[in-house]
């Protein structure tokens, strides 16, 4: 089954703004899944200057997201969104594979 991942236009715009504000050259947002949190897994976001040969690359509006092979197993059919609410702004992943989330919403289980 091919890996599928998407991002909203708003997420692409915010990533572009973040990359543009960096003092060192960054070329992509790395989205990863790490062990941690009270439910077992957490999303990790980092601006990076290197893309690995085995990364999945999604490009939208000139912005790139890189996802490593291990994280791909947790992120298939997901969508990265950038949410702006009164007093807060954050990236959020809509993940249809999640079976449980912690109360604070920062970790999940599959």
PDB file of N, CA and C in Angstrom:
ATOM      1  N   UNK A   1       0.849  -1.181   0.000  1.00  0.00           N
ATOM      2  CA  UNK A   1       0.000   0.000   0.000  1.00  0.00           C
ATOM      3  C   UNK A   1       0.893   1.242   0.000  1.00  0.00           C
ATOM      4  N   UNK A   2       0.690   2.165  -0.933  1.00  0.00           N
ATOM      5  CA  UNK A   2       1.526   3.369  -0.970  1.00  0.00           C
ATOM      6  C   UNK A   2       1.232   4.280   0.220  1.00  0.00           C
ATOM      7  N   UNK A   3       2.270   4.976   0.660  1.00  0.00           N
ATOM      8  CA  UNK A   3       2.140   5.905   1.778  1.00  0.00           C
ATOM      9  C   UNK A   3       1.420   7.162   1.311  1.00  0.00           C
ATOM     10  N   UNK A   4       0.452   7.618   2.098  1.00  0.00           N
ATOM     11  CA  UNK A   4      -0.302   8.833   1.798  1.00  0.00           C
ATOM     12  C   UNK A   4      -0.202   9.790   2.974  1.00  0.00           C
ATOM     13  N   UNK A   5       0.080  11.055   2.678  1.00  0.00           N
ATOM     14  CA  UNK A   5       0.134  12.101   3.697  1.00  0.00           C
ATOM     15  C   UNK A   5      -0.186  13.406   2.995  1.00  0.00           C
ATOM     16  N   UNK A   6      -0.871  14.311   3.677  1.00  0.00           N
ATOM     17  CA  UNK A   6      -1.244  15.581   3.063  1.00  0.00           C
ATOM     18  C   UNK A   6      -1.083  16.702   4.080  1.00  0.00           C
ATOM     19  N   UNK A   7      -1.103  17.925   3.583  1.00  0.00           N
ATOM     20  CA  UNK A   7      -1.109  19.095   4.460  1.00  0.00           C
ATOM     21  C   UNK A   7      -2.073  20.123   3.883  1.00  0.00           C
ATOM     22  N   UNK A   8      -2.641  20.921   4.763  1.00  0.00           N
ATOM     23  CA  UNK A   8      -3.543  21.975   4.323  1.00  0.00           C
ATOM     24  C   UNK A   8      -2.740  23.145   3.770  1.00  0.00           C
ATOM     25  N   UNK A   9      -3.417  24.001   3.020  1.00  0.00           N
ATOM     26  CA  UNK A   9      -2.771  25.211   2.514  1.00  0.00           C
ATOM     27  C   UNK A   9      -2.276  26.079   3.667  1.00  0.00           C
ATOM     28  N   UNK A  10      -3.051  26.153   4.745  1.00  0.00           N
ATOM     29  CA  UNK A  10      -2.671  26.951   5.913  1.00  0.00           C
ATOM     30  C   UNK A  10      -1.392  26.410   6.554  1.00  0.00           C
ATOM     31  N   UNK A  11      -1.246  25.092   6.608  1.00  0.00           N
ATOM     32  CA  UNK A  11      -0.022  24.493   7.156  1.00  0.00           C
ATOM     33  C   UNK A  11       1.171  24.821   6.269  1.00  0.00           C
ATOM     34  N   UNK A  12       0.998  24.737   4.956  1.00  0.00           N
ATOM     35  CA  UNK A  12       2.089  25.059   4.029  1.00  0.00           C
ATOM     36  C   UNK A  12       2.517  26.513   4.182  1.00  0.00           C
ATOM     37  N   UNK A  13       1.553  27.416   4.321  1.00  0.00           N
ATOM     38  CA  UNK A  13       1.867  28.833   4.503  1.00  0.00           C
ATOM     39  C   UNK A  13       2.662  29.054   5.786  1.00  0.00           C
ATOM     40  N   UNK A  14       2.240  28.416   6.877  1.00  0.00           N
ATOM     41  CA  UNK A  14       2.944  28.599   8.157  1.00  0.00           C
ATOM     42  C   UNK A  14       4.351  28.016   8.095  1.00  0.00           C
ATOM     43  N   UNK A  15       4.535  26.860   7.473  1.00  0.00           N
ATOM     44  CA  UNK A  15       5.874  26.278   7.331  1.00  0.00           C
ATOM     45  C   UNK A  15       6.760  27.218   6.527  1.00  0.00           C
ATOM     46  N   UNK A  16       6.221  27.791   5.463  1.00  0.00           N
ATOM     47  CA  UNK A  16       6.976  28.748   4.654  1.00  0.00           C
ATOM     48  C   UNK A  16       7.417  29.943   5.494  1.00  0.00           C
ATOM     49  N   UNK A  17       6.531  30.450   6.332  1.00  0.00           N
ATOM     50  CA  UNK A  17       6.868  31.567   7.217  1.00  0.00           C
ATOM     51  C   UNK A  17       7.969  31.178   8.195  1.00  0.00           C
ATOM     52  N   UNK A  18       7.876  29.986   8.770  1.00  0.00           N
ATOM     53  CA  UNK A  18       8.880  29.529   9.733  1.00  0.00           C
ATOM     54  C   UNK A  18      10.241  29.347   9.073  1.00  0.00           C
ATOM     55  N   UNK A  19      10.267  28.731   7.900  1.00  0.00           N
ATOM     56  CA  UNK A  19      11.531  28.537   7.186  1.00  0.00           C
ATOM     57  C   UNK A  19      12.138  29.889   6.826  1.00  0.00           C
ATOM     58  N   UNK A  20      11.307  30.833   6.401  1.00  0.00           N
ATOM     59  CA  UNK A  20      11.784  32.157   6.034  1.00  0.00           C
ATOM     60  C   UNK A  20      12.332  32.957   7.194  1.00  0.00           C
ATOM     61  N   UNK A  21      11.894  32.649   8.413  1.00  0.00           N
ATOM     62  CA  UNK A  21      12.348  33.398   9.589  1.00  0.00           C
ATOM     63  C   UNK A  21      13.611  32.816  10.218  1.00  0.00           C
ATOM     64  N   UNK A  22      14.071  31.661   9.739  1.00  0.00           N
ATOM     65  CA  UNK A  22      15.266  31.019  10.296  1.00  0.00           C
ATOM     66  C   UNK A  22      16.528  31.752   9.855  1.00  0.00           C
ATOM     67  N   UNK A  23      17.502  31.849  10.763  1.00  0.00           N
ATOM     68  CA  UNK A  23      18.772  32.498  10.420  1.00  0.00           C
ATOM     69  C   UNK A  23      19.691  31.561   9.631  1.00  0.00           C
ATOM     70  N   UNK A  24      19.469  30.260   9.738  1.00  0.00           N
ATOM     71  CA  UNK A  24      20.239  29.291   8.950  1.00  0.00           C
ATOM     72  C   UNK A  24      19.311  28.651   7.921  1.00  0.00           C
ATOM     73  N   UNK A  25      19.884  28.189   6.837  1.00  0.00           N
ATOM     74  CA  UNK A  25      19.082  27.641   5.738  1.00  0.00           C
ATOM     75  C   UNK A  25      18.390  26.343   6.151  1.00  0.00           C
ATOM     76  N   UNK A  26      17.089  26.349   6.137  1.00  0.00           N
ATOM     77  CA  UNK A  26      16.283  25.151   6.383  1.00  0.00           C
ATOM     78  C   UNK A  26      15.505  24.857   5.114  1.00  0.00           C
ATOM     79  N   UNK A  27      15.309  23.577   4.815  1.00  0.00           N
ATOM     80  CA  UNK A  27      14.661  23.231   3.552  1.00  0.00           C
ATOM     81  C   UNK A  27      13.353  22.459   3.707  1.00  0.00           C
ATOM     82  N   UNK A  28      13.059  21.992   4.927  1.00  0.00           N
ATOM     83  CA  UNK A  28      11.843  21.192   5.098  1.00  0.00           C
ATOM     84  C   UNK A  28      11.436  21.151   6.563  1.00  0.00           C
ATOM     85  N   UNK A  29      10.180  20.784   6.782  1.00  0.00           N
ATOM     86  CA  UNK A  29       9.707  20.461   8.122  1.00  0.00           C
ATOM     87  C   UNK A  29       9.714  18.947   8.226  1.00  0.00           C
ATOM     88  N   UNK A  30      10.466  18.416   9.185  1.00  0.00           N
ATOM     89  CA  UNK A  30      10.464  16.974   9.435  1.00  0.00           C
ATOM     90  C   UNK A  30       9.343  16.675  10.424  1.00  0.00           C
ATOM     91  N   UNK A  31       8.456  15.773  10.023  1.00  0.00           N
ATOM     92  CA  UNK A  31       7.380  15.295  10.881  1.00  0.00           C
ATOM     93  C   UNK A  31       7.739  13.870  11.265  1.00  0.00           C
ATOM     94  N   UNK A  32       7.798  13.607  12.571  1.00  0.00           N
ATOM     95  CA  UNK A  32       8.195  12.278  13.044  1.00  0.00           C
ATOM     96  C   UNK A  32       7.288  11.841  14.185  1.00  0.00           C
ATOM     97  N   UNK A  33       7.279  10.553  14.427  1.00  0.00           N
ATOM     98  CA  UNK A  33       6.583   9.976  15.574  1.00  0.00           C
ATOM     99  C   UNK A  33       7.644   9.382  16.478  1.00  0.00           C
ATOM    100  N   UNK A  34       7.628   9.798  17.748  1.00  0.00           N
ATOM    101  CA  UNK A  34       8.569   9.305  18.749  1.00  0.00           C
ATOM    102  C   UNK A  34       7.800   8.647  19.879  1.00  0.00           C
ATOM    103  N   UNK A  35       8.437   7.721  20.569  1.00  0.00           N
ATOM    104  CA  UNK A  35       7.846   7.141  21.760  1.00  0.00           C
ATOM    105  C   UNK A  35       7.798   8.185  22.858  1.00  0.00           C
ATOM    106  N   UNK A  36       6.710   8.196  23.631  1.00  0.00           N
ATOM    107  CA  UNK A  36       6.617   9.141  24.736  1.00  0.00           C
ATOM    108  C   UNK A  36       5.186   9.524  25.036  1.00  0.00           C
ATOM    109  N   UNK A  37       5.037  10.321  26.066  1.00  0.00           N
ATOM    110  CA  UNK A  37       3.714  10.757  26.483  1.00  0.00           C
ATOM    111  C   UNK A  37       2.979   9.656  27.219  1.00  0.00           C
ATOM    112  N   UNK A  38       1.838   9.995  27.748  1.00  0.00           N
ATOM    113  CA  UNK A  38       1.097   9.031  28.558  1.00  0.00           C
ATOM    114  C   UNK A  38       0.352   7.988  27.720  1.00  0.00           C
ATOM    115  N   UNK A  39       0.214   8.220  26.407  1.00  0.00           N
ATOM    116  CA  UNK A  39      -0.479   7.238  25.564  1.00  0.00           C
ATOM    117  C   UNK A  39       0.455   6.420  24.684  1.00  0.00           C
ATOM    118  N   UNK A  40       1.755   6.717  24.719  1.00  0.00           N
ATOM    119  CA  UNK A  40       2.705   5.875  23.995  1.00  0.00           C
ATOM    120  C   UNK A  40       3.497   6.543  22.896  1.00  0.00           C
ATOM    121  N   UNK A  41       2.876   7.452  22.121  1.00  0.00           N
ATOM    122  CA  UNK A  41       3.562   8.095  21.001  1.00  0.00           C
ATOM    123  C   UNK A  41       3.276   9.590  20.986  1.00  0.00           C
ATOM    124  N   UNK A  42       4.237  10.343  20.433  1.00  0.00           N
ATOM    125  CA  UNK A  42       4.082  11.789  20.298  1.00  0.00           C
ATOM    126  C   UNK A  42       4.570  12.226  18.919  1.00  0.00           C
ATOM    127  N   UNK A  43       3.968  13.285  18.397  1.00  0.00           N
ATOM    128  CA  UNK A  43       4.436  13.883  17.149  1.00  0.00           C
ATOM    129  C   UNK A  43       5.593  14.815  17.454  1.00  0.00           C
ATOM    130  N   UNK A  44       6.554  14.866  16.538  1.00  0.00           N
ATOM    131  CA  UNK A  44       7.728  15.714  16.693  1.00  0.00           C
ATOM    132  C   UNK A  44       7.895  16.502  15.397  1.00  0.00           C
ATOM    133  N   UNK A  45       8.079  17.816  15.519  1.00  0.00           N
ATOM    134  CA  UNK A  45       8.240  18.693  14.360  1.00  0.00           C
ATOM    135  C   UNK A  45       9.565  19.429  14.475  1.00  0.00           C
ATOM    136  N   UNK A  46      10.386  19.381  13.416  1.00  0.00           N
ATOM    137  CA  UNK A  46      11.663  20.097  13.396  1.00  0.00           C
ATOM    138  C   UNK A  46      11.933  20.628  12.002  1.00  0.00           C
ATOM    139  N   UNK A  47      12.405  21.867  11.926  1.00  0.00           N
ATOM    140  CA  UNK A  47      12.889  22.388  10.653  1.00  0.00           C
ATOM    141  C   UNK A  47      14.270  21.808  10.425  1.00  0.00           C
ATOM    142  N   UNK A  48      14.523  21.301   9.223  1.00  0.00           N
ATOM    143  CA  UNK A  48      15.786  20.616   8.938  1.00  0.00           C
ATOM    144  C   UNK A  48      16.449  21.175   7.685  1.00  0.00           C
ATOM    145  N   UNK A  49      17.765  20.964   7.619  1.00  0.00           N
ATOM    146  CA  UNK A  49      18.520  21.382   6.442  1.00  0.00           C
ATOM    147  C   UNK A  49      18.981  20.194   5.604  1.00  0.00           C
ATOM    148  N   UNK A  50      18.614  18.983   6.022  1.00  0.00           N
ATOM    149  CA  UNK A  50      18.989  17.765   5.298  1.00  0.00           C
ATOM    150  C   UNK A  50      17.756  16.877   5.146  1.00  0.00           C
ATOM    151  N   UNK A  51      17.576  16.351   3.941  1.00  0.00           N
ATOM    152  CA  UNK A  51      16.537  15.359   3.681  1.00  0.00           C
ATOM    153  C   UNK A  51      17.244  14.057   3.337  1.00  0.00           C
ATOM    154  N   UNK A  52      16.873  12.979   4.005  1.00  0.00           N
ATOM    155  CA  UNK A  52      17.495  11.678   3.768  1.00  0.00           C
ATOM    156  C   UNK A  52      16.919  11.015   2.518  1.00  0.00           C
ATOM    157  N   UNK A  53      17.716  10.161   1.893  1.00  0.00           N
ATOM    158  CA  UNK A  53      17.300   9.483   0.662  1.00  0.00           C
ATOM    159  C   UNK A  53      16.044   8.637   0.840  1.00  0.00           C
ATOM    160  N   UNK A  54      15.844   8.078   2.045  1.00  0.00           N
ATOM    161  CA  UNK A  54      14.689   7.205   2.259  1.00  0.00           C
ATOM    162  C   UNK A  54      13.479   7.930   2.851  1.00  0.00           C
ATOM    163  N   UNK A  55      13.551   9.257   2.984  1.00  0.00           N
ATOM    164  CA  UNK A  55      12.414  10.035   3.472  1.00  0.00           C
ATOM    165  C   UNK A  55      11.316  10.111   2.420  1.00  0.00           C
ATOM    166  N   UNK A  56      10.077  10.122   2.880  1.00  0.00           N
ATOM    167  CA  UNK A  56       8.947  10.488   2.028  1.00  0.00           C
ATOM    168  C   UNK A  56       8.924  12.009   1.984  1.00  0.00           C
ATOM    169  N   UNK A  57       8.775  12.582   0.800  1.00  0.00           N
ATOM    170  CA  UNK A  57       8.739  14.031   0.650  1.00  0.00           C
ATOM    171  C   UNK A  57       7.384  14.435   0.083  1.00  0.00           C
ATOM    172  N   UNK A  58       6.722  15.342   0.787  1.00  0.00           N
ATOM    173  CA  UNK A  58       5.502  15.960   0.286  1.00  0.00           C
ATOM    174  C   UNK A  58       5.826  17.419   0.024  1.00  0.00           C
ATOM    175  N   UNK A  59       5.544  17.881  -1.176  1.00  0.00           N
ATOM    176  CA  UNK A  59       5.781  19.284  -1.505  1.00  0.00           C
ATOM    177  C   UNK A  59       4.466  19.924  -1.915  1.00  0.00           C
ATOM    178  N   UNK A  60       4.176  21.067  -1.292  1.00  0.00           N
ATOM    179  CA  UNK A  60       2.951  21.805  -1.602  1.00  0.00           C
ATOM    180  C   UNK A  60       3.264  23.288  -1.517  1.00  0.00           C
ATOM    181  N   UNK A  61       2.936  24.024  -2.551  1.00  0.00           N
ATOM    182  CA  UNK A  61       3.199  25.468  -2.605  1.00  0.00           C
ATOM    183  C   UNK A  61       4.669  25.781  -2.332  1.00  0.00           C
ATOM    184  N   UNK A  62       5.573  24.912  -2.805  1.00  0.00           N
ATOM    185  CA  UNK A  62       7.006  25.135  -2.634  1.00  0.00           C
ATOM    186  C   UNK A  62       7.555  24.759  -1.275  1.00  0.00           C
ATOM    187  N   UNK A  63       6.715  24.222  -0.402  1.00  0.00           N
ATOM    188  CA  UNK A  63       7.116  23.830   0.956  1.00  0.00           C
ATOM    189  C   UNK A  63       7.230  22.314   1.012  1.00  0.00           C
ATOM    190  N   UNK A  64       8.268  21.825   1.690  1.00  0.00           N
ATOM    191  CA  UNK A  64       8.480  20.378   1.792  1.00  0.00           C
ATOM    192  C   UNK A  64       8.295  19.885   3.223  1.00  0.00           C
ATOM    193  N   UNK A  65       7.690  18.698   3.315  1.00  0.00           N
ATOM    194  CA  UNK A  65       7.626  17.935   4.560  1.00  0.00           C
ATOM    195  C   UNK A  65       8.410  16.654   4.310  1.00  0.00           C
ATOM    196  N   UNK A  66       9.252  16.274   5.272  1.00  0.00           N
ATOM    197  CA  UNK A  66      10.026  15.033   5.198  1.00  0.00           C
ATOM    198  C   UNK A  66       9.560  14.102   6.314  1.00  0.00           C
ATOM    199  N   UNK A  67       9.334  12.836   5.968  1.00  0.00           N
ATOM    200  CA  UNK A  67       8.893  11.844   6.953  1.00  0.00           C
ATOM    201  C   UNK A  67       9.752  10.598   6.791  1.00  0.00           C
ATOM    202  N   UNK A  68      10.395  10.170   7.889  1.00  0.00           N
ATOM    203  CA  UNK A  68      11.271   9.000   7.852  1.00  0.00           C
ATOM    204  C   UNK A  68      10.448   7.713   7.716  1.00  0.00           C
ATOM    205  N   UNK A  69      11.073   6.625   7.255  1.00  0.00           N
ATOM    206  CA  UNK A  69      10.337   5.372   7.022  1.00  0.00           C
ATOM    207  C   UNK A  69       9.619   4.819   8.255  1.00  0.00           C
ATOM    208  N   UNK A  70      10.227   4.880   9.427  1.00  0.00           N
ATOM    209  CA  UNK A  70       9.568   4.348  10.620  1.00  0.00           C
ATOM    210  C   UNK A  70       8.317   5.152  10.958  1.00  0.00           C
ATOM    211  N   UNK A  71       8.408   6.471  10.886  1.00  0.00           N
ATOM    212  CA  UNK A  71       7.248   7.316  11.185  1.00  0.00           C
ATOM    213  C   UNK A  71       6.127   7.117  10.176  1.00  0.00           C
ATOM    214  N   UNK A  72       6.477   6.740   8.959  1.00  0.00           N
ATOM    215  CA  UNK A  72       5.458   6.518   7.933  1.00  0.00           C
ATOM    216  C   UNK A  72       4.455   5.451   8.355  1.00  0.00           C
ATOM    217  N   UNK A  73       4.900   4.462   9.112  1.00  0.00           N
ATOM    218  CA  UNK A  73       3.986   3.400   9.542  1.00  0.00           C
ATOM    219  C   UNK A  73       2.880   3.933  10.448  1.00  0.00           C
ATOM    220  N   UNK A  74       3.129   5.055  11.132  1.00  0.00           N
ATOM    221  CA  UNK A  74       2.145   5.648  12.037  1.00  0.00           C
ATOM    222  C   UNK A  74       1.352   6.784  11.380  1.00  0.00           C
ATOM    223  N   UNK A  75       1.831   7.280  10.247  1.00  0.00           N
ATOM    224  CA  UNK A  75       1.277   8.508   9.672  1.00  0.00           C
ATOM    225  C   UNK A  75       0.561   8.318   8.339  1.00  0.00           C
ATOM    226  N   UNK A  76       0.306   7.085   7.930  1.00  0.00           N
ATOM    227  CA  UNK A  76      -0.353   6.888   6.647  1.00  0.00           C
ATOM    228  C   UNK A  76      -1.786   7.429   6.678  1.00  0.00           C
ATOM    229  N   UNK A  77      -2.159   8.100   5.604  1.00  0.00           N
ATOM    230  CA  UNK A  77      -3.486   8.709   5.427  1.00  0.00           C
ATOM    231  C   UNK A  77      -3.754   9.854   6.404  1.00  0.00           C
ATOM    232  N   UNK A  78      -2.703  10.502   6.883  1.00  0.00           N
ATOM    233  CA  UNK A  78      -2.845  11.625   7.813  1.00  0.00           C
ATOM    234  C   UNK A  78      -2.780  12.953   7.074  1.00  0.00           C
ATOM    235  N   UNK A  79      -3.193  14.003   7.780  1.00  0.00           N
ATOM    236  CA  UNK A  79      -3.130  15.356   7.227  1.00  0.00           C
ATOM    237  C   UNK A  79      -2.584  16.295   8.298  1.00  0.00           C
ATOM    238  N   UNK A  80      -1.586  17.109   7.911  1.00  0.00           N
ATOM    239  CA  UNK A  80      -1.038  18.134   8.793  1.00  0.00           C
ATOM    240  C   UNK A  80      -1.841  19.408   8.604  1.00  0.00           C
ATOM    241  N   UNK A  81      -2.304  19.958   9.719  1.00  0.00           N
ATOM    242  CA  UNK A  81      -3.065  21.200   9.709  1.00  0.00           C
ATOM    243  C   UNK A  81      -2.352  22.222  10.586  1.00  0.00           C
ATOM    244  N   UNK A  82      -2.583  23.506  10.321  1.00  0.00           N
ATOM    245  CA  UNK A  82      -2.121  24.555  11.218  1.00  0.00           C
ATOM    246  C   UNK A  82      -3.363  25.257  11.727  1.00  0.00           C
ATOM    247  N   UNK A  83      -3.553  25.210  13.041  1.00  0.00           N
ATOM    248  CA  UNK A  83      -4.758  25.724  13.686  1.00  0.00           C
ATOM    249  C   UNK A  83      -4.438  27.050  14.365  1.00  0.00           C
ATOM    250  N   UNK A  84      -5.273  28.043  14.119  1.00  0.00           N
ATOM    251  CA  UNK A  84      -5.148  29.330  14.803  1.00  0.00           C
ATOM    252  C   UNK A  84      -6.446  29.586  15.550  1.00  0.00           C
ATOM    253  N   UNK A  85      -6.328  29.669  16.875  1.00  0.00           N
ATOM    254  CA  UNK A  85      -7.470  29.943  17.734  1.00  0.00           C
ATOM    255  C   UNK A  85      -7.136  31.154  18.589  1.00  0.00           C
ATOM    256  N   UNK A  86      -8.113  31.657  19.270  1.00  0.00           N
ATOM    257  CA  UNK A  86      -7.897  32.798  20.140  1.00  0.00           C
ATOM    258  C   UNK A  86      -6.796  32.489  21.147  1.00  0.00           C
ATOM    259  N   UNK A  87      -5.671  33.172  21.031  1.00  0.00           N
ATOM    260  CA  UNK A  87      -4.586  33.011  21.991  1.00  0.00           C
ATOM    261  C   UNK A  87      -3.642  31.853  21.735  1.00  0.00           C
ATOM    262  N   UNK A  88      -3.864  31.060  20.682  1.00  0.00           N
ATOM    263  CA  UNK A  88      -2.937  29.958  20.419  1.00  0.00           C
ATOM    264  C   UNK A  88      -2.909  29.616  18.927  1.00  0.00           C
ATOM    265  N   UNK A  89      -1.785  29.062  18.525  1.00  0.00           N
ATOM    266  CA  UNK A  89      -1.607  28.593  17.153  1.00  0.00           C
ATOM    267  C   UNK A  89      -0.690  27.376  17.218  1.00  0.00           C
ATOM    268  N   UNK A  90      -1.038  26.314  16.476  1.00  0.00           N
ATOM    269  CA  UNK A  90      -0.274  25.074  16.590  1.00  0.00           C
ATOM    270  C   UNK A  90      -0.521  24.175  15.382  1.00  0.00           C
ATOM    271  N   UNK A  91       0.450  23.281  15.149  1.00  0.00           N
ATOM    272  CA  UNK A  91       0.272  22.238  14.150  1.00  0.00           C
ATOM    273  C   UNK A  91      -0.514  21.100  14.783  1.00  0.00           C
ATOM    274  N   UNK A  92      -1.353  20.472  13.982  1.00  0.00           N
ATOM    275  CA  UNK A  92      -2.137  19.330  14.444  1.00  0.00           C
ATOM    276  C   UNK A  92      -2.206  18.311  13.315  1.00  0.00           C
ATOM    277  N   UNK A  93      -2.085  17.052  13.662  1.00  0.00           N
ATOM    278  CA  UNK A  93      -2.199  15.987  12.670  1.00  0.00           C
ATOM    279  C   UNK A  93      -3.535  15.281  12.849  1.00  0.00           C
ATOM    280  N   UNK A  94      -4.305  15.236  11.778  1.00  0.00           N
ATOM    281  CA  UNK A  94      -5.531  14.437  11.758  1.00  0.00           C
ATOM    282  C   UNK A  94      -5.111  13.026  11.364  1.00  0.00           C
ATOM    283  N   UNK A  95      -5.235  12.100  12.321  1.00  0.00           N
ATOM    284  CA  UNK A  95      -4.723  10.750  12.130  1.00  0.00           C
ATOM    285  C   UNK A  95      -5.848   9.730  12.312  1.00  0.00           C
ATOM    286  N   UNK A  96      -6.330   9.139  11.218  1.00  0.00           N
ATOM    287  CA  UNK A  96      -7.417   8.164  11.324  1.00  0.00           C
ATOM    288  C   UNK A  96      -6.987   6.840  11.954  1.00  0.00           C
ATOM    289  N   UNK A  97      -5.688   6.658  12.171  1.00  0.00           N
ATOM    290  CA  UNK A  97      -5.171   5.409  12.737  1.00  0.00           C
ATOM    291  C   UNK A  97      -5.167   5.395  14.262  1.00  0.00           C
ATOM    292  N   UNK A  98      -5.384   6.541  14.891  1.00  0.00           N
ATOM    293  CA  UNK A  98      -5.308   6.659  16.349  1.00  0.00           C
ATOM    294  C   UNK A  98      -6.471   5.917  17.002  1.00  0.00           C
ATOM    295  N   UNK A  99      -6.132   5.117  18.015  1.00  0.00           N
ATOM    296  CA  UNK A  99      -7.165   4.397  18.765  1.00  0.00           C
ATOM    297  C   UNK A  99      -7.420   5.015  20.127  1.00  0.00           C
ATOM    298  N   UNK A 100      -6.461   5.808  20.641  1.00  0.00           N
ATOM    299  CA  UNK A 100      -6.624   6.464  21.940  1.00  0.00           C
ATOM    300  C   UNK A 100      -5.725   7.691  22.007  1.00  0.00           C
ATOM    301  N   UNK A 101      -6.196   8.722  22.724  1.00  0.00           N
ATOM    302  CA  UNK A 101      -5.417   9.939  22.966  1.00  0.00           C
ATOM    303  C   UNK A 101      -5.398  10.199  24.460  1.00  0.00           C
ATOM    304  N   UNK A 102      -4.340  10.879  24.902  1.00  0.00           N
ATOM    305  CA  UNK A 102      -4.309  11.257  26.310  1.00  0.00           C
ATOM    306  C   UNK A 102      -5.222  12.469  26.512  1.00  0.00           C
ATOM    307  N   UNK A 103      -5.500  12.797  27.745  1.00  0.00           N
ATOM    308  CA  UNK A 103      -6.396  13.898  28.065  1.00  0.00           C
ATOM    309  C   UNK A 103      -5.929  15.243  27.549  1.00  0.00           C
ATOM    310  N   UNK A 104      -4.616  15.462  27.549  1.00  0.00           N
ATOM    311  CA  UNK A 104      -4.088  16.756  27.096  1.00  0.00           C
ATOM    312  C   UNK A 104      -3.979  16.821  25.577  1.00  0.00           C
ATOM    313  N   UNK A 105      -4.109  15.681  24.892  1.00  0.00           N
ATOM    314  CA  UNK A 105      -4.065  15.657  23.438  1.00  0.00           C
ATOM    315  C   UNK A 105      -2.679  15.652  22.837  1.00  0.00           C
ATOM    316  N   UNK A 106      -1.634  15.561  23.668  1.00  0.00           N
ATOM    317  CA  UNK A 106      -0.269  15.598  23.151  1.00  0.00           C
ATOM    318  C   UNK A 106       0.297  14.236  22.786  1.00  0.00           C
ATOM    319  N   UNK A 107      -0.325  13.163  23.213  1.00  0.00           N
ATOM    320  CA  UNK A 107       0.178  11.840  22.854  1.00  0.00           C
ATOM    321  C   UNK A 107      -0.992  10.954  22.416  1.00  0.00           C
ATOM    322  N   UNK A 108      -0.643   9.847  21.767  1.00  0.00           N
ATOM    323  CA  UNK A 108      -1.668   8.987  21.184  1.00  0.00           C
ATOM    324  C   UNK A 108      -1.187   7.547  21.159  1.00  0.00           C
ATOM    325  N   UNK A 109      -2.106   6.650  20.821  1.00  0.00           N
ATOM    326  CA  UNK A 109      -1.780   5.240  20.659  1.00  0.00           C
ATOM    327  C   UNK A 109      -2.448   4.739  19.382  1.00  0.00           C
ATOM    328  N   UNK A 110      -1.837   3.726  18.799  1.00  0.00           N
ATOM    329  CA  UNK A 110      -2.384   3.116  17.583  1.00  0.00           C
ATOM    330  C   UNK A 110      -2.560   1.629  17.820  1.00  0.00           C
TER     331      UNK A 110
END
